[in-house]
Amino acid sequence: MRIITASIGIFVAVGALAAEPEIIDPDASFPEGPAVVDGTLYYAEYGAHRISTWDGSTVSTFWEQEGCGPSAVQRFGDGFLVTCYDNGTLALVSADGSSATAISADDQGNPLVGPNDIVLDGRGGAYVTTSGPWESGPIVGKILHVTADGVASVVADDLHYPNGLALSAEGSTLFVNESEASRVIRFTVAGDFSLSDRHLFVRLTYLDEPAGGYPDGIKLGPDGRLYIGLLSDGRIIVTNSAGELVTKYNVPSTSAPNRTFSEDGKTMYVMAVDEPYEAPYPGKVFAITLEE
């Protein structure tokens, strides 16, 4: 178990008010893909091959597996679903973190290449991105739908490094970051979880970002807006449902790839990375009290 005391950091909000944040984990190794479950923050540490938790006072190790390279965690059934980016599996982890089984292929027997992020479908299953090869590899990214009993089916393909994904509040639209294309796309969600009507939602250049911006995680906020985190900068971009810029948040780190929110919607937890391209990928986890 890791026990880490909290400290205070610096946060800058552009166009929005926020209290000065608490650094709840000053030594995170590429923190990613967070979720809040029953008041506890769970987050992946890609560089340390573990899932960590923060219970409001201390940081602890929940689950670890060498070679996993976890990039996201979500509550799933009686346990948790973890994307293992490095070893190409989806780990089904028990509720106490003591054991796990792995999904290594889709329902057609194809291996999973770069499992990356997760969003729950609201009906017991989840959508998962498999990004495909990093950077100059072929454009072969996919979106999977994973049923409650662990069957993974491809529902979209030929995506340019799909990464973070978010479901609209009513469940009818799926938003997906295509990181290597510097854009967010959207799909219409059918009752059988299939996806159709693929459209551009927004390019980062439309949001006053430089060319080559790299969208990583995306989350639906408690205010109904979309929060897009950047690997290419320490910034979170907030848009409305039409893809129009609302505000931006900057953190004092090189990257701000992902974030999530407390159950009461008053706190934003930001996963920040200070060195995203060299192991052990040092970073921090911030807790920010949002002003109303």
C-alpha atoms as a PDB file:
ATOM      1  CA  MET A   1       0.000   0.000   0.000  1.00  0.00           C
ATOM      2  CA  ARG A   2       1.228   3.500  -0.810  1.00  0.00           C
ATOM      3  CA  ILE A   3       0.414   6.229   1.691  1.00  0.00           C
ATOM      4  CA  ILE A   4       0.858   9.748   0.302  1.00  0.00           C
ATOM      5  CA  THR A   5       0.050  12.971   2.093  1.00  0.00           C
ATOM      6  CA  ALA A   6      -1.598  15.803   0.154  1.00  0.00           C
ATOM      7  CA  SER A   7       0.031  19.088  -0.790  1.00  0.00           C
ATOM      8  CA  ILE A   8      -1.054  22.268  -2.521  1.00  0.00           C
ATOM      9  CA  GLY A   9      -0.389  23.127  -6.159  1.00  0.00           C
ATOM     10  CA  ILE A  10      -1.164  25.848  -8.707  1.00  0.00           C
ATOM     11  CA  PHE A  11      -4.057  25.937 -11.122  1.00  0.00           C
ATOM     12  CA  VAL A  12      -5.102  28.460 -13.720  1.00  0.00           C
ATOM     13  CA  ALA A  13      -8.627  28.647 -15.119  1.00  0.00           C
ATOM     14  CA  VAL A  14      -9.226  30.680 -18.274  1.00  0.00           C
ATOM     15  CA  GLY A  15     -12.806  31.908 -18.501  1.00  0.00           C
ATOM     16  CA  ALA A  16     -13.934  29.976 -15.419  1.00  0.00           C
ATOM     17  CA  LEU A  17     -13.475  30.199 -11.669  1.00  0.00           C
ATOM     18  CA  ALA A  18     -11.809  27.475  -9.661  1.00  0.00           C
ATOM     19  CA  ALA A  19     -10.320  27.172  -6.207  1.00  0.00           C
ATOM     20  CA  GLU A  20      -6.637  26.423  -5.786  1.00  0.00           C
ATOM     21  CA  PRO A  21      -6.228  22.642  -6.136  1.00  0.00           C
ATOM     22  CA  GLU A  22      -4.960  20.026  -3.778  1.00  0.00           C
ATOM     23  CA  ILE A  23      -2.323  17.673  -5.164  1.00  0.00           C
ATOM     24  CA  ILE A  24      -3.602  14.340  -3.952  1.00  0.00           C
ATOM     25  CA  ASP A  25      -0.857  12.267  -5.605  1.00  0.00           C
ATOM     26  CA  PRO A  26       2.416  14.114  -6.298  1.00  0.00           C
ATOM     27  CA  ASP A  27       4.216  11.013  -7.597  1.00  0.00           C
ATOM     28  CA  ALA A  28       1.850   9.431 -10.112  1.00  0.00           C
ATOM     29  CA  SER A  29       3.352   7.629 -13.131  1.00  0.00           C
ATOM     30  CA  PHE A  30       1.347   8.802 -16.159  1.00  0.00           C
ATOM     31  CA  PRO A  31      -2.051   8.910 -14.415  1.00  0.00           C
ATOM     32  CA  GLU A  32      -4.916   8.186 -16.788  1.00  0.00           C
ATOM     33  CA  GLY A  33      -8.509   7.004 -17.215  1.00  0.00           C
ATOM     34  CA  PRO A  34     -10.039   7.860 -13.810  1.00  0.00           C
ATOM     35  CA  ALA A  35     -13.432   7.018 -12.327  1.00  0.00           C
ATOM     36  CA  VAL A  36     -15.165   7.776  -9.039  1.00  0.00           C
ATOM     37  CA  VAL A  37     -16.921   4.816  -7.422  1.00  0.00           C
ATOM     38  CA  ASP A  38     -18.783   5.140  -4.116  1.00  0.00           C
ATOM     39  CA  GLY A  39     -16.840   8.263  -3.244  1.00  0.00           C
ATOM     40  CA  THR A  40     -13.403   6.787  -3.990  1.00  0.00           C
ATOM     41  CA  LEU A  41     -11.253   7.937  -6.900  1.00  0.00           C
ATOM     42  CA  TYR A  42      -9.754   5.127  -9.001  1.00  0.00           C
ATOM     43  CA  TYR A  43      -7.138   5.893 -11.645  1.00  0.00           C
ATOM     44  CA  ALA A  44      -4.690   4.065 -13.876  1.00  0.00           C
ATOM     45  CA  GLU A  45      -0.955   4.639 -13.571  1.00  0.00           C
ATOM     46  CA  TYR A  46       0.358   3.586 -16.957  1.00  0.00           C
ATOM     47  CA  GLY A  47       4.025   3.951 -16.038  1.00  0.00           C
ATOM     48  CA  ALA A  48       3.699   1.911 -12.833  1.00  0.00           C
ATOM     49  CA  HIS A  49       1.383  -0.839 -14.180  1.00  0.00           C
ATOM     50  CA  ARG A  50      -1.125  -0.328 -11.394  1.00  0.00           C
ATOM     51  CA  ILE A  51      -4.541   1.032 -10.461  1.00  0.00           C
ATOM     52  CA  SER A  52      -4.465   3.451  -7.551  1.00  0.00           C
ATOM     53  CA  THR A  53      -7.182   4.854  -5.312  1.00  0.00           C
ATOM     54  CA  TRP A  54      -7.718   7.972  -3.245  1.00  0.00           C
ATOM     55  CA  ASP A  55     -10.306   7.727  -0.474  1.00  0.00           C
ATOM     56  CA  GLY A  56     -10.274  11.385   0.498  1.00  0.00           C
ATOM     57  CA  SER A  57      -7.172  11.203   2.653  1.00  0.00           C
ATOM     58  CA  THR A  58      -4.668   8.647   1.347  1.00  0.00           C
ATOM     59  CA  VAL A  59      -3.476   7.138  -1.916  1.00  0.00           C
ATOM     60  CA  SER A  60      -3.237   3.348  -2.070  1.00  0.00           C
ATOM     61  CA  THR A  61      -2.529   0.652  -4.636  1.00  0.00           C
ATOM     62  CA  PHE A  62      -5.715  -1.222  -5.573  1.00  0.00           C
ATOM     63  CA  TRP A  63      -4.400  -3.615  -8.264  1.00  0.00           C
ATOM     64  CA  GLU A  64      -1.179  -4.085 -10.199  1.00  0.00           C
ATOM     65  CA  GLN A  65       0.045  -6.316 -12.995  1.00  0.00           C
ATOM     66  CA  GLU A  66       3.488  -6.012 -14.544  1.00  0.00           C
ATOM     67  CA  GLY A  67       3.296  -5.511 -18.314  1.00  0.00           C
ATOM     68  CA  CYS A  68      -0.321  -4.334 -18.287  1.00  0.00           C
ATOM     69  CA  GLY A  69       0.276  -0.650 -18.965  1.00  0.00           C
ATOM     70  CA  PRO A  70      -3.195   0.356 -17.745  1.00  0.00           C
ATOM     71  CA  SER A  71      -4.794   3.422 -19.294  1.00  0.00           C
ATOM     72  CA  ALA A  72      -8.350   3.376 -17.862  1.00  0.00           C
ATOM     73  CA  VAL A  73     -10.474   1.849 -15.118  1.00  0.00           C
ATOM     74  CA  GLN A  74     -14.249   1.711 -14.649  1.00  0.00           C
ATOM     75  CA  ARG A  75     -16.626  -0.131 -12.321  1.00  0.00           C
ATOM     76  CA  PHE A  76     -17.994  -3.087 -14.265  1.00  0.00           C
ATOM     77  CA  GLY A  77     -20.507  -5.558 -12.891  1.00  0.00           C
ATOM     78  CA  ASP A  78     -19.337  -6.773  -9.486  1.00  0.00           C
ATOM     79  CA  GLY A  79     -15.744  -5.668 -10.143  1.00  0.00           C
ATOM     80  CA  PHE A  80     -13.762  -3.404 -12.442  1.00  0.00           C
ATOM     81  CA  LEU A  81     -12.789  -3.225 -16.104  1.00  0.00           C
ATOM     82  CA  VAL A  82      -9.203  -2.123 -16.860  1.00  0.00           C
ATOM     83  CA  THR A  83      -7.693  -1.460 -20.282  1.00  0.00           C
ATOM     84  CA  CYS A  84      -4.188  -2.924 -20.469  1.00  0.00           C
ATOM     85  CA  TYR A  85      -2.658  -0.940 -23.323  1.00  0.00           C
ATOM     86  CA  ASP A  86       0.748  -2.640 -23.313  1.00  0.00           C
ATOM     87  CA  ASN A  87      -0.270  -6.302 -23.279  1.00  0.00           C
ATOM     88  CA  GLY A  88      -3.406  -5.927 -25.394  1.00  0.00           C
ATOM     89  CA  THR A  89      -5.993  -7.158 -22.920  1.00  0.00           C
ATOM     90  CA  LEU A  90      -9.050  -6.033 -21.019  1.00  0.00           C
ATOM     91  CA  ALA A  91      -8.662  -7.070 -17.384  1.00  0.00           C
ATOM     92  CA  LEU A  92     -11.778  -7.987 -15.421  1.00  0.00           C
ATOM     93  CA  VAL A  93     -10.616  -7.274 -11.876  1.00  0.00           C
ATOM     94  CA  SER A  94     -12.421  -8.474  -8.759  1.00  0.00           C
ATOM     95  CA  ALA A  95     -14.080  -5.940  -6.464  1.00  0.00           C
ATOM     96  CA  ASP A  96     -11.282  -6.221  -3.904  1.00  0.00           C
ATOM     97  CA  GLY A  97      -8.488  -6.124  -6.485  1.00  0.00           C
ATOM     98  CA  SER A  98      -7.229  -9.589  -5.538  1.00  0.00           C
ATOM     99  CA  SER A  99      -7.733 -11.373  -8.863  1.00  0.00           C
ATOM    100  CA  ALA A 100      -8.335 -10.746 -12.547  1.00  0.00           C
ATOM    101  CA  THR A 101      -9.199 -12.501 -15.782  1.00  0.00           C
ATOM    102  CA  ALA A 102      -8.278 -11.219 -19.221  1.00  0.00           C
ATOM    103  CA  ILE A 103     -10.102 -10.657 -22.508  1.00  0.00           C
ATOM    104  CA  SER A 104      -7.446 -10.782 -25.233  1.00  0.00           C
ATOM    105  CA  ALA A 105      -9.533 -10.962 -28.427  1.00  0.00           C
ATOM    106  CA  ASP A 106     -12.844  -9.803 -29.877  1.00  0.00           C
ATOM    107  CA  ASP A 107     -15.708 -12.148 -30.657  1.00  0.00           C
ATOM    108  CA  GLN A 108     -14.150 -12.912 -34.060  1.00  0.00           C
ATOM    109  CA  GLY A 109     -10.862 -13.985 -32.520  1.00  0.00           C
ATOM    110  CA  ASN A 110      -8.919 -10.857 -33.500  1.00  0.00           C
ATOM    111  CA  PRO A 111      -6.332  -9.640 -30.964  1.00  0.00           C
ATOM    112  CA  LEU A 112      -6.864  -6.323 -29.212  1.00  0.00           C
ATOM    113  CA  VAL A 113      -4.269  -3.724 -30.229  1.00  0.00           C
ATOM    114  CA  GLY A 114      -3.829  -0.870 -27.771  1.00  0.00           C
ATOM    115  CA  PRO A 115      -6.932  -1.006 -25.521  1.00  0.00           C
ATOM    116  CA  ASN A 116      -7.146   2.565 -24.307  1.00  0.00           C
ATOM    117  CA  ASP A 117     -10.276   4.090 -22.761  1.00  0.00           C
ATOM    118  CA  ILE A 118     -13.695   3.081 -21.450  1.00  0.00           C
ATOM    119  CA  VAL A 119     -17.160   4.561 -21.127  1.00  0.00           C
ATOM    120  CA  LEU A 120     -20.048   2.652 -19.569  1.00  0.00           C
ATOM    121  CA  ASP A 121     -23.112   2.200 -21.783  1.00  0.00           C
ATOM    122  CA  GLY A 122     -25.586   2.664 -18.902  1.00  0.00           C
ATOM    123  CA  ARG A 123     -27.020  -0.832 -19.336  1.00  0.00           C
ATOM    124  CA  GLY A 124     -24.345  -3.074 -17.858  1.00  0.00           C
ATOM    125  CA  GLY A 125     -21.840  -2.991 -20.703  1.00  0.00           C
ATOM    126  CA  ALA A 126     -19.200  -0.590 -21.977  1.00  0.00           C
ATOM    127  CA  TYR A 127     -17.600   0.909 -25.056  1.00  0.00           C
ATOM    128  CA  VAL A 128     -13.812   0.557 -25.296  1.00  0.00           C
ATOM    129  CA  THR A 129     -11.348   2.051 -27.768  1.00  0.00           C
ATOM    130  CA  THR A 130      -8.480   0.008 -29.197  1.00  0.00           C
ATOM    131  CA  SER A 131      -6.167   2.623 -30.640  1.00  0.00           C
ATOM    132  CA  GLY A 132      -3.979   0.478 -32.865  1.00  0.00           C
ATOM    133  CA  PRO A 133      -0.261   1.178 -33.441  1.00  0.00           C
ATOM    134  CA  TRP A 134       1.246   4.385 -32.074  1.00  0.00           C
ATOM    135  CA  GLU A 135       1.886   7.296 -34.463  1.00  0.00           C
ATOM    136  CA  SER A 136       3.069   6.195 -37.914  1.00  0.00           C
ATOM    137  CA  GLY A 137       1.358   2.813 -37.954  1.00  0.00           C
ATOM    138  CA  PRO A 138      -1.644   2.046 -40.175  1.00  0.00           C
ATOM    139  CA  ILE A 139      -5.034   3.589 -39.421  1.00  0.00           C
ATOM    140  CA  VAL A 140      -6.694   0.553 -37.871  1.00  0.00           C
ATOM    141  CA  GLY A 141      -8.208   1.841 -34.623  1.00  0.00           C
ATOM    142  CA  LYS A 142     -11.505   0.366 -33.449  1.00  0.00           C
ATOM    143  CA  ILE A 143     -14.339   0.812 -30.969  1.00  0.00           C
ATOM    144  CA  LEU A 144     -15.554  -2.290 -29.161  1.00  0.00           C
ATOM    145  CA  HIS A 145     -18.746  -2.884 -27.274  1.00  0.00           C
ATOM    146  CA  VAL A 146     -18.208  -5.174 -24.294  1.00  0.00           C
ATOM    147  CA  THR A 147     -21.248  -6.937 -22.859  1.00  0.00           C
ATOM    148  CA  ALA A 148     -21.786  -7.553 -19.164  1.00  0.00           C
ATOM    149  CA  ASP A 149     -20.572 -11.138 -19.605  1.00  0.00           C
ATOM    150  CA  GLY A 150     -17.328 -10.059 -21.290  1.00  0.00           C
ATOM    151  CA  VAL A 151     -18.013 -10.494 -25.012  1.00  0.00           C
ATOM    152  CA  ALA A 152     -16.216  -7.819 -27.057  1.00  0.00           C
ATOM    153  CA  SER A 153     -17.618  -6.932 -30.503  1.00  0.00           C
ATOM    154  CA  VAL A 154     -16.293  -4.392 -32.998  1.00  0.00           C
ATOM    155  CA  VAL A 155     -18.832  -1.599 -33.608  1.00  0.00           C
ATOM    156  CA  ALA A 156     -16.580   0.852 -35.510  1.00  0.00           C
ATOM    157  CA  ASP A 157     -13.227   0.579 -37.272  1.00  0.00           C
ATOM    158  CA  ASP A 158     -10.739   2.477 -39.465  1.00  0.00           C
ATOM    159  CA  LEU A 159     -10.330   5.170 -36.821  1.00  0.00           C
ATOM    160  CA  HIS A 160      -7.220   7.345 -36.565  1.00  0.00           C
ATOM    161  CA  TYR A 161      -5.993   6.355 -33.114  1.00  0.00           C
ATOM    162  CA  PRO A 162      -9.298   6.474 -31.191  1.00  0.00           C
ATOM    163  CA  ASN A 163      -8.639   7.358 -27.586  1.00  0.00           C
ATOM    164  CA  GLY A 164     -11.030   8.907 -25.048  1.00  0.00           C
ATOM    165  CA  LEU A 165     -14.763   8.476 -25.468  1.00  0.00           C
ATOM    166  CA  ALA A 166     -17.892   9.850 -23.794  1.00  0.00           C
ATOM    167  CA  LEU A 167     -21.591   9.055 -23.992  1.00  0.00           C
ATOM    168  CA  SER A 168     -24.223  11.800 -24.023  1.00  0.00           C
ATOM    169  CA  ALA A 169     -26.490  11.997 -20.988  1.00  0.00           C
ATOM    170  CA  GLU A 170     -29.427  10.358 -22.772  1.00  0.00           C
ATOM    171  CA  GLY A 171     -27.145   7.698 -24.290  1.00  0.00           C
ATOM    172  CA  SER A 172     -27.923   8.478 -27.928  1.00  0.00           C
ATOM    173  CA  THR A 173     -24.549   9.911 -29.018  1.00  0.00           C
ATOM    174  CA  LEU A 174     -21.014   8.591 -28.566  1.00  0.00           C
ATOM    175  CA  PHE A 175     -18.151  11.112 -28.778  1.00  0.00           C
ATOM    176  CA  VAL A 176     -14.676   9.802 -29.608  1.00  0.00           C
ATOM    177  CA  ASN A 177     -11.289  11.525 -29.729  1.00  0.00           C
ATOM    178  CA  GLU A 178      -9.263  10.650 -32.827  1.00  0.00           C
ATOM    179  CA  SER A 179      -5.933  11.678 -31.344  1.00  0.00           C
ATOM    180  CA  GLU A 180      -3.737  11.486 -34.435  1.00  0.00           C
ATOM    181  CA  ALA A 181      -6.308  13.453 -36.460  1.00  0.00           C
ATOM    182  CA  SER A 182      -6.620  16.234 -33.832  1.00  0.00           C
ATOM    183  CA  ARG A 183     -10.395  15.977 -33.796  1.00  0.00           C
ATOM    184  CA  VAL A 184     -13.465  14.641 -32.012  1.00  0.00           C
ATOM    185  CA  ILE A 185     -16.031  12.606 -33.940  1.00  0.00           C
ATOM    186  CA  ARG A 186     -19.502  11.424 -32.979  1.00  0.00           C
ATOM    187  CA  PHE A 187     -21.737   8.431 -33.651  1.00  0.00           C
ATOM    188  CA  THR A 188     -25.429   7.744 -33.231  1.00  0.00           C
ATOM    189  CA  VAL A 189     -26.013   4.888 -30.758  1.00  0.00           C
ATOM    190  CA  ALA A 190     -28.724   2.329 -31.551  1.00  0.00           C
ATOM    191  CA  GLY A 191     -30.710   0.255 -29.083  1.00  0.00           C
ATOM    192  CA  ASP A 192     -28.565  -2.797 -29.867  1.00  0.00           C
ATOM    193  CA  PHE A 193     -25.372  -0.773 -29.088  1.00  0.00           C
ATOM    194  CA  SER A 194     -24.368  -0.547 -32.750  1.00  0.00           C
ATOM    195  CA  LEU A 195     -22.986   2.757 -34.038  1.00  0.00           C
ATOM    196  CA  SER A 196     -23.892   4.683 -37.196  1.00  0.00           C
ATOM    197  CA  ASP A 197     -23.947   8.163 -38.727  1.00  0.00           C
ATOM    198  CA  ARG A 198     -20.260   8.906 -38.115  1.00  0.00           C
ATOM    199  CA  HIS A 199     -19.683  12.666 -38.265  1.00  0.00           C
ATOM    200  CA  LEU A 200     -17.052  15.228 -37.322  1.00  0.00           C
ATOM    201  CA  PHE A 201     -17.929  16.864 -34.006  1.00  0.00           C
ATOM    202  CA  VAL A 202     -15.090  19.381 -33.792  1.00  0.00           C
ATOM    203  CA  ARG A 203     -11.475  19.883 -34.843  1.00  0.00           C
ATOM    204  CA  LEU A 204      -9.108  21.278 -32.233  1.00  0.00           C
ATOM    205  CA  THR A 205      -8.179  24.105 -34.577  1.00  0.00           C
ATOM    206  CA  TYR A 206     -11.835  25.233 -34.388  1.00  0.00           C
ATOM    207  CA  LEU A 207     -11.306  25.657 -30.635  1.00  0.00           C
ATOM    208  CA  ASP A 208      -8.390  28.092 -30.986  1.00  0.00           C
ATOM    209  CA  GLU A 209      -5.819  25.328 -30.573  1.00  0.00           C
ATOM    210  CA  PRO A 210      -2.649  25.060 -32.713  1.00  0.00           C
ATOM    211  CA  ALA A 211      -2.412  22.507 -35.517  1.00  0.00           C
ATOM    212  CA  GLY A 212      -1.245  19.140 -34.284  1.00  0.00           C
ATOM    213  CA  GLY A 213      -3.043  19.356 -30.942  1.00  0.00           C
ATOM    214  CA  TYR A 214      -3.494  15.896 -29.426  1.00  0.00           C
ATOM    215  CA  PRO A 215      -6.859  15.170 -27.754  1.00  0.00           C
ATOM    216  CA  ASP A 216      -6.557  12.308 -25.291  1.00  0.00           C
ATOM    217  CA  GLY A 217      -9.402  11.761 -22.816  1.00  0.00           C
ATOM    218  CA  ILE A 218     -12.924  13.185 -23.048  1.00  0.00           C
ATOM    219  CA  LYS A 219     -15.552  13.210 -20.321  1.00  0.00           C
ATOM    220  CA  LEU A 220     -19.112  14.454 -19.981  1.00  0.00           C
ATOM    221  CA  GLY A 221     -19.130  16.928 -17.107  1.00  0.00           C
ATOM    222  CA  PRO A 222     -21.815  17.380 -14.464  1.00  0.00           C
ATOM    223  CA  ASP A 223     -22.849  20.533 -16.335  1.00  0.00           C
ATOM    224  CA  GLY A 224     -23.567  18.563 -19.527  1.00  0.00           C
ATOM    225  CA  ARG A 225     -20.492  19.953 -21.276  1.00  0.00           C
ATOM    226  CA  LEU A 226     -17.646  17.960 -22.807  1.00  0.00           C
ATOM    227  CA  TYR A 227     -14.206  18.187 -21.188  1.00  0.00           C
ATOM    228  CA  ILE A 228     -11.401  17.347 -23.636  1.00  0.00           C
ATOM    229  CA  GLY A 229      -7.945  16.737 -22.159  1.00  0.00           C
ATOM    230  CA  LEU A 230      -4.773  17.240 -24.178  1.00  0.00           C
ATOM    231  CA  LEU A 231      -1.647  15.115 -24.253  1.00  0.00           C
ATOM    232  CA  SER A 232       0.028  17.887 -26.265  1.00  0.00           C
ATOM    233  CA  ASP A 233      -0.420  20.554 -23.572  1.00  0.00           C
ATOM    234  CA  GLY A 234      -1.432  20.985 -19.946  1.00  0.00           C
ATOM    235  CA  ARG A 235      -4.903  22.061 -20.937  1.00  0.00           C
ATOM    236  CA  ILE A 236      -8.518  20.939 -20.714  1.00  0.00           C
ATOM    237  CA  ILE A 237     -10.918  22.333 -23.328  1.00  0.00           C
ATOM    238  CA  VAL A 238     -14.608  22.616 -22.476  1.00  0.00           C
ATOM    239  CA  THR A 239     -17.263  22.669 -25.201  1.00  0.00           C
ATOM    240  CA  ASN A 240     -21.040  22.654 -25.275  1.00  0.00           C
ATOM    241  CA  SER A 241     -23.046  19.921 -27.008  1.00  0.00           C
ATOM    242  CA  ALA A 242     -22.698  21.766 -30.330  1.00  0.00           C
ATOM    243  CA  GLY A 243     -18.906  21.694 -30.182  1.00  0.00           C
ATOM    244  CA  GLU A 244     -18.573  25.399 -29.374  1.00  0.00           C
ATOM    245  CA  LEU A 245     -15.808  26.545 -27.061  1.00  0.00           C
ATOM    246  CA  VAL A 246     -16.967  27.436 -23.542  1.00  0.00           C
ATOM    247  CA  THR A 247     -13.728  27.739 -21.586  1.00  0.00           C
ATOM    248  CA  LYS A 248     -10.270  26.266 -21.055  1.00  0.00           C
ATOM    249  CA  TYR A 249      -8.431  25.156 -17.944  1.00  0.00           C
ATOM    250  CA  ASN A 250      -4.615  25.123 -17.745  1.00  0.00           C
ATOM    251  CA  VAL A 251      -2.592  23.108 -15.246  1.00  0.00           C
ATOM    252  CA  PRO A 252       1.152  23.516 -14.509  1.00  0.00           C
ATOM    253  CA  SER A 253       2.139  20.285 -16.249  1.00  0.00           C
ATOM    254  CA  THR A 254       3.170  19.314 -19.771  1.00  0.00           C
ATOM    255  CA  SER A 255      -0.004  17.286 -20.343  1.00  0.00           C
ATOM    256  CA  ALA A 256      -3.511  16.995 -18.930  1.00  0.00           C
ATOM    257  CA  PRO A 257      -4.759  13.859 -20.677  1.00  0.00           C
ATOM    258  CA  ASN A 258      -7.759  12.958 -18.555  1.00  0.00           C
ATOM    259  CA  ARG A 259     -10.090  13.888 -15.730  1.00  0.00           C
ATOM    260  CA  THR A 260     -13.288  12.921 -13.958  1.00  0.00           C
ATOM    261  CA  PHE A 261     -15.699  14.438 -11.444  1.00  0.00           C
ATOM    262  CA  SER A 262     -16.872  13.743  -7.928  1.00  0.00           C
ATOM    263  CA  GLU A 263     -20.327  12.276  -7.487  1.00  0.00           C
ATOM    264  CA  ASP A 264     -21.717  15.604  -6.288  1.00  0.00           C
ATOM    265  CA  GLY A 265     -20.238  17.385  -9.334  1.00  0.00           C
ATOM    266  CA  LYS A 266     -18.327  19.895  -7.205  1.00  0.00           C
ATOM    267  CA  THR A 267     -14.783  18.549  -7.683  1.00  0.00           C
ATOM    268  CA  MET A 268     -12.786  17.842 -10.831  1.00  0.00           C
ATOM    269  CA  TYR A 269      -9.949  15.345 -10.584  1.00  0.00           C
ATOM    270  CA  VAL A 270      -7.262  16.090 -13.185  1.00  0.00           C
ATOM    271  CA  MET A 271      -4.687  13.535 -14.311  1.00  0.00           C
ATOM    272  CA  ALA A 272      -1.547  15.545 -15.211  1.00  0.00           C
ATOM    273  CA  VAL A 273       1.747  14.336 -16.690  1.00  0.00           C
ATOM    274  CA  ASP A 274       5.006  16.252 -16.431  1.00  0.00           C
ATOM    275  CA  GLU A 275       7.056  13.999 -18.758  1.00  0.00           C
ATOM    276  CA  PRO A 276       4.737  12.092 -21.142  1.00  0.00           C
ATOM    277  CA  TYR A 277       7.424  10.656 -23.433  1.00  0.00           C
ATOM    278  CA  GLU A 278      10.019   9.135 -21.120  1.00  0.00           C
ATOM    279  CA  ALA A 279       9.596   6.506 -18.407  1.00  0.00           C
ATOM    280  CA  PRO A 280       8.662   6.526 -15.576  1.00  0.00           C
ATOM    281  CA  TYR A 281       6.391   9.343 -16.882  1.00  0.00           C
ATOM    282  CA  PRO A 282       6.189  11.430 -13.682  1.00  0.00           C
ATOM    283  CA  GLY A 283       2.925  13.231 -13.090  1.00  0.00           C
ATOM    284  CA  LYS A 284       0.389  14.390 -10.534  1.00  0.00           C
ATOM    285  CA  VAL A 285      -3.267  14.035  -9.654  1.00  0.00           C
ATOM    286  CA  PHE A 286      -5.104  17.237  -8.755  1.00  0.00           C
ATOM    287  CA  ALA A 287      -8.390  17.698  -6.891  1.00  0.00           C
ATOM    288  CA  ILE A 288     -10.002  21.010  -7.846  1.00  0.00           C
ATOM    289  CA  THR A 289     -13.069  22.441  -6.166  1.00  0.00           C
ATOM    290  CA  LEU A 290     -15.181  24.018  -8.897  1.00  0.00           C
ATOM    291  CA  GLU A 291     -16.841  27.320  -8.243  1.00  0.00           C
ATOM    292  CA  GLU A 292     -20.534  27.572  -8.981  1.00  0.00           C
END
